[in-house]
Amino acid sequence: MGLTEIKLKELKEKKFDTLYDKHKPDWEKMVVAAHDFAKKHISHGEEPLADDILKPLLTMLEVNEALRKHQDDRHAKYRRYREAFGDYIVEQYIKPKK
């Protein structure tokens, strides 16, 4: 997994970057919760890898109404968009830490 240029291009074409900006505090809370879960339960106190943060985040994204509505409105209901958006959220979270 992980964010790639093609995934980023597809997300921007469907305005997922705008969705991110519109609900940024919500996504940040989710990714922090996913990070904390991964750190405690997956990497046992060590800094988790991006894909390990993504796993619990995807569970939260599946039921998020703002994301589901955006996917409906943009004809982007495929799972790959949700997964790519999860990668995007994780990338935004870890980018400042690099």
C-alpha atoms as a PDB file:
ATOM      1  CA  MET A   1       0.000   0.000   0.000  1.00  0.00           C
ATOM      2  CA  GLY A   2       1.076   3.587   0.485  1.00  0.00           C
ATOM      3  CA  LEU A   3       0.342   6.762  -1.382  1.00  0.00           C
ATOM      4  CA  THR A   4       1.614   6.910  -4.957  1.00  0.00           C
ATOM      5  CA  GLU A   5       1.485   9.676  -7.534  1.00  0.00           C
ATOM      6  CA  ILE A   6      -1.249   7.882  -9.484  1.00  0.00           C
ATOM      7  CA  LYS A   7      -3.375   7.464  -6.343  1.00  0.00           C
ATOM      8  CA  LEU A   8      -2.852  11.133  -5.518  1.00  0.00           C
ATOM      9  CA  LYS A   9      -3.885  12.137  -9.034  1.00  0.00           C
ATOM     10  CA  GLU A  10      -7.044  10.011  -8.851  1.00  0.00           C
ATOM     11  CA  LEU A  11      -7.929  11.443  -5.437  1.00  0.00           C
ATOM     12  CA  LYS A  12      -7.508  15.009  -6.686  1.00  0.00           C
ATOM     13  CA  GLU A  13      -9.611  14.283  -9.776  1.00  0.00           C
ATOM     14  CA  LYS A  14     -12.439  13.220  -7.445  1.00  0.00           C
ATOM     15  CA  LYS A  15     -11.810  16.170  -5.062  1.00  0.00           C
ATOM     16  CA  PHE A  16     -10.758  14.074  -2.070  1.00  0.00           C
ATOM     17  CA  ASP A  17      -8.150  16.726  -1.264  1.00  0.00           C
ATOM     18  CA  THR A  18     -11.017  19.213  -0.876  1.00  0.00           C
ATOM     19  CA  LEU A  19     -12.863  16.733   1.339  1.00  0.00           C
ATOM     20  CA  TYR A  20      -9.734  16.411   3.469  1.00  0.00           C
ATOM     21  CA  ASP A  21      -9.426  20.177   3.883  1.00  0.00           C
ATOM     22  CA  LYS A  22     -13.132  20.571   4.660  1.00  0.00           C
ATOM     23  CA  HIS A  23     -13.063  18.024   7.505  1.00  0.00           C
ATOM     24  CA  LYS A  24      -9.380  18.190   8.465  1.00  0.00           C
ATOM     25  CA  PRO A  25      -9.921  18.164  12.275  1.00  0.00           C
ATOM     26  CA  ASP A  26     -12.032  15.002  11.964  1.00  0.00           C
ATOM     27  CA  TRP A  27      -9.426  13.198   9.858  1.00  0.00           C
ATOM     28  CA  GLU A  28      -6.680  14.290  12.249  1.00  0.00           C
ATOM     29  CA  LYS A  29      -8.560  12.875  15.248  1.00  0.00           C
ATOM     30  CA  MET A  30      -9.076   9.598  13.408  1.00  0.00           C
ATOM     31  CA  VAL A  31      -5.466   9.220  12.333  1.00  0.00           C
ATOM     32  CA  VAL A  32      -4.189  10.044  15.825  1.00  0.00           C
ATOM     33  CA  ALA A  33      -6.503   7.371  17.253  1.00  0.00           C
ATOM     34  CA  ALA A  34      -5.342   4.901  14.589  1.00  0.00           C
ATOM     35  CA  HIS A  35      -1.694   5.783  15.302  1.00  0.00           C
ATOM     36  CA  ASP A  36      -2.156   5.287  19.038  1.00  0.00           C
ATOM     37  CA  PHE A  37      -3.928   1.967  18.486  1.00  0.00           C
ATOM     38  CA  ALA A  38      -1.197   0.749  16.125  1.00  0.00           C
ATOM     39  CA  LYS A  39       1.555   1.875  18.477  1.00  0.00           C
ATOM     40  CA  LYS A  40       0.006   0.042  21.428  1.00  0.00           C
ATOM     41  CA  HIS A  41      -1.303  -3.103  19.749  1.00  0.00           C
ATOM     42  CA  ILE A  42       0.740  -3.615  16.590  1.00  0.00           C
ATOM     43  CA  SER A  43       4.228  -2.194  17.125  1.00  0.00           C
ATOM     44  CA  HIS A  44       4.231  -2.674  20.930  1.00  0.00           C
ATOM     45  CA  GLY A  45       5.304   0.847  21.864  1.00  0.00           C
ATOM     46  CA  GLU A  46       7.534   1.509  18.888  1.00  0.00           C
ATOM     47  CA  GLU A  47       6.611   4.066  16.234  1.00  0.00           C
ATOM     48  CA  PRO A  48       4.226   2.235  13.870  1.00  0.00           C
ATOM     49  CA  LEU A  49       4.702   2.052  10.124  1.00  0.00           C
ATOM     50  CA  ALA A  50       2.286   3.881   7.831  1.00  0.00           C
ATOM     51  CA  ASP A  51       0.539   0.686   6.724  1.00  0.00           C
ATOM     52  CA  ASP A  52       0.030  -0.321  10.345  1.00  0.00           C
ATOM     53  CA  ILE A  53      -1.669   3.027  11.030  1.00  0.00           C
ATOM     54  CA  LEU A  54      -3.776   2.594   7.913  1.00  0.00           C
ATOM     55  CA  LYS A  55      -5.343  -0.693   9.061  1.00  0.00           C
ATOM     56  CA  PRO A  56      -7.363   0.712  12.002  1.00  0.00           C
ATOM     57  CA  LEU A  57      -7.974   3.968  10.131  1.00  0.00           C
ATOM     58  CA  LEU A  58      -9.733   2.116   7.309  1.00  0.00           C
ATOM     59  CA  THR A  59     -12.189   0.644   9.794  1.00  0.00           C
ATOM     60  CA  MET A  60     -13.087   4.165  10.932  1.00  0.00           C
ATOM     61  CA  LEU A  61     -13.346   5.441   7.361  1.00  0.00           C
ATOM     62  CA  GLU A  62     -15.767   2.694   6.325  1.00  0.00           C
ATOM     63  CA  VAL A  63     -18.507   4.167   8.505  1.00  0.00           C
ATOM     64  CA  ASN A  64     -17.696   7.858   8.140  1.00  0.00           C
ATOM     65  CA  GLU A  65     -20.746   9.644   6.735  1.00  0.00           C
ATOM     66  CA  ALA A  66     -18.838  12.574   5.207  1.00  0.00           C
ATOM     67  CA  LEU A  67     -16.627  10.178   3.263  1.00  0.00           C
ATOM     68  CA  ARG A  68     -19.538   7.968   2.209  1.00  0.00           C
ATOM     69  CA  LYS A  69     -21.493  10.988   0.943  1.00  0.00           C
ATOM     70  CA  HIS A  70     -18.460  12.296  -0.930  1.00  0.00           C
ATOM     71  CA  GLN A  71     -17.957   8.924  -2.561  1.00  0.00           C
ATOM     72  CA  ASP A  72     -21.616   8.855  -3.610  1.00  0.00           C
ATOM     73  CA  ASP A  73     -21.556  12.432  -4.908  1.00  0.00           C
ATOM     74  CA  ARG A  74     -18.315  11.922  -6.859  1.00  0.00           C
ATOM     75  CA  HIS A  75     -19.135   8.456  -8.208  1.00  0.00           C
ATOM     76  CA  ALA A  76     -16.110   7.099  -6.371  1.00  0.00           C
ATOM     77  CA  LYS A  77     -17.653   4.301  -4.312  1.00  0.00           C
ATOM     78  CA  TYR A  78     -14.927   1.803  -5.061  1.00  0.00           C
ATOM     79  CA  ARG A  79     -12.958   0.521  -2.088  1.00  0.00           C
ATOM     80  CA  ARG A  80      -9.729   1.670  -3.726  1.00  0.00           C
ATOM     81  CA  TYR A  81     -10.758   5.308  -3.274  1.00  0.00           C
ATOM     82  CA  ARG A  82     -11.359   4.808   0.444  1.00  0.00           C
ATOM     83  CA  GLU A  83      -8.023   3.028   0.789  1.00  0.00           C
ATOM     84  CA  ALA A  84      -6.191   5.690  -1.205  1.00  0.00           C
ATOM     85  CA  PHE A  85      -7.850   8.395   0.901  1.00  0.00           C
ATOM     86  CA  GLY A  86      -6.670   6.547   4.000  1.00  0.00           C
ATOM     87  CA  ASP A  87      -3.143   6.556   2.583  1.00  0.00           C
ATOM     88  CA  TYR A  88      -3.539  10.285   1.928  1.00  0.00           C
ATOM     89  CA  ILE A  89      -4.634  10.957   5.522  1.00  0.00           C
ATOM     90  CA  VAL A  90      -1.734   8.929   6.931  1.00  0.00           C
ATOM     91  CA  GLU A  91       0.706  10.716   4.622  1.00  0.00           C
ATOM     92  CA  GLN A  92      -0.566  14.112   5.804  1.00  0.00           C
ATOM     93  CA  TYR A  93      -0.099  12.954   9.397  1.00  0.00           C
ATOM     94  CA  ILE A  94       3.409  11.556   9.065  1.00  0.00           C
ATOM     95  CA  LYS A  95       4.752  14.110   6.608  1.00  0.00           C
ATOM     96  CA  PRO A  96       5.556  16.737   9.267  1.00  0.00           C
ATOM     97  CA  LYS A  97       7.266  14.066  11.407  1.00  0.00           C
ATOM     98  CA  LYS A  98       9.785  13.132   8.692  1.00  0.00           C
END
